[in-house]
Amino acid sequence: MGEKIRGRFAPSPSGRMHLGNLFTALLAWLSVRSAGGTMVLRMEDLDPDRCRPEYARALAEDLAWLGLDWDEGYGVGGPHGPYLQSRRTEYYAACFGRLEEKGLVYPCFCTRAERLAASAPHRADGRTVYDGRCRDRTEEERAALARARRPAWRVRVPEERVSFVDGHLGPFAEDLARDCGDFIVRRSDGVYAYQLAVVADDGAMEINQVVRGEDLLTSTPCQLYLYRLLGRSAPRFFHVPLLLSEDGRRLSKRDGDLNMVALRERFSPQELTGRLAFLAGLAEKPNPVRPSELISTFSWANVPRSDRAVPSALFSERTSST
């Protein structure tokens, strides 16, 4: 038998979940449950300015309301806790220390304006690639700059092409130096960055399957590089299409009519799940269904590979199809 699947849903509790979050959560849950695996819920509350305990509680309650349970994690416990990133700083510090000991990180004193001025947009997604101006500063230069501002810390990346096969989207590759650049692993305020925290946590929690939005696809080569530096086995990644508004905008927590407050007022759990299953290619019609009823027929082959525009009528009210 193969390795037992350990998957996770790891949202940021910075507000109520929106439809896109639910879409990803349902697919992550079905992928784990259809394989008889273990589901983990981790709260990625790294940002102290945006994340709040009440949002984490609401998020967990919304998942339970929809019928998505978990075996380990927030509110449940387990052998790999704590499951709040805000309580894992000591562990991130240890991982950062390992990189520092190997001479793989360096302080960056650039302001945001300086970084943007020195970087060029990357392809059509608007990403910027850091030009490495702080990489080779002398100790004297660093000491002088440190008197004026606290640095962020970046990891050095080599000129190397990193490739992997996504479980849903297929082969993907990027050149670390050209496409990613030296990326931040600790912010200037001392908060450890997402790239380091997510790799450290998935490694420590023995996560071997990651289902997440396609917007994080281009982060994967950087993370694969960190897995190698930290001596951890990387999970298998499945990136899912994004849900878009009818005018092509990516859904966000600012879309109040499609967040859980509005959706729970409008639909039952089964009605909402049916609409999500329809968008995910798992049902021919948006008829009411429980998540558990989708497990036996779940297949990644049915899930679309391109972003989906959400018809406003589908979530504006109960329709005759249900």
Foldseek 3Di string as FASTA:
>chain_A
DDDAAEEEQEEELLFFAFPQSVLLLLVRQLVNVLRVHFYEYAYAHLDPVRHDPVSVVNNQVLCVQLPRDGDDAPPRHDDLDDRYLVPCLVLLVVLVVLCVVVVFKDWDLDDPVRQVVQWDQAPPVRDTAGPCPRVDDDPVVVVVSVVPAQTFMWGADDQDKDWDAAPQQGIDIDGCCPRHYTDTQAHSVGGGDPLSSVLSSCQSVVHQEYEEAPVCVSVVRVSVVSCVSSVGDHHHYHHAAFEAEPVGHGDDSVPVCRGPVNQVVADRSQQSVLLSCCQQQQDVFSGGDRSVVSNNVDDSVRGDPYHHHDPPVSRPHDDPSD
